[in-house]
Amino acid sequence: MFVKICGTTNESDALFAVAMGADAVGFVFAPSPRQVAPTLVRDIVRRLPPEIMTVGVFRDEATQRVVDIVNTCALGGVQLHGHEAPAECRWVRERVPFLIKAFPAGDHLVERVGEYDAADAILLDAPSPGSGQSFDWSVVDLLPRGRRLIVAGGLTPQNVGEAIERTGAWGVDVATGVESTPGHKDARKVHRFCRMAKSYTAPVFEGDHLLMPLDFDFEAYGDGLGEFDGDGTGLVDDGDGGPAVLYDFDEPAELG
């Protein structure tokens, strides 16, 4: 399960999230109580392990500025959280390694998710992003299958498991639900959130191709996918006798 701890504003919170098993750390560049400066993020990113995805969150920002900040901070990806058109997302994706397109639940753009084919993942958030409020998870039933889905909005250590089970999400994103005050993480909440989310197995993708949905009938398929220990891990042999990473991304594109 892909876990992103968002709204990070300082180095200690970023390092702790990584230590607890987070796969990605998000930095908000849009107007927000958690907004951070590129220079600060650049210094934090330098201290993080290279395998951790660092994501810049933008809302209706000029596309060239998005790319400039990615380059300045050496970020691993972007999250576009505004009313960006499919063509704008495509332009940005050609210049950054990974792109997440976010949609508030109930927004009319949700009906056009299929047009955002340049996005590596789709994020479904609450109607008021950053509010800590959840939404009716049945909305995901309206989304096309076969896309990486990240669920956000009102997630906490107490409800993240239910959210994953209901939505079949590939990943989860949290900010408010693991904070002590806006912009400052609560270590116990981060630990519990990561532990709970990581107890679930994500759908398996190769590039943008869905290999293994959560409702796959493993027993009917047999053992043609390598060793299977009963919880979905170890489905793909990594060549050294161990399981491959289930959320392996494409090789990052060269920034420019």
Foldseek 3Di string as FASTA:
>chain_A
DAEEEELAQAQVVVVLLVVLPHQEYEAECEDDPSHYDLVRLLVSVVPDDPRRAYEYEEEPDDLVVVLVSCVSSVGQEYEYEYDDDLVSLQVNLLFHFAYEYEDEPPDPCQLVVVSNVSHQAYEYEHNDPPPLAGDDLCSLVSHDPLGQYEYEYNDWLVCPLVSCVSNLHQYYYYYVRQAPDRNHGNSVRSNSNSVNVVVAHHQADDASGGDGGPPDDDVVVPLPQDDDDPRPFQSHQPVPRHGDDRDDYDDGDHHD
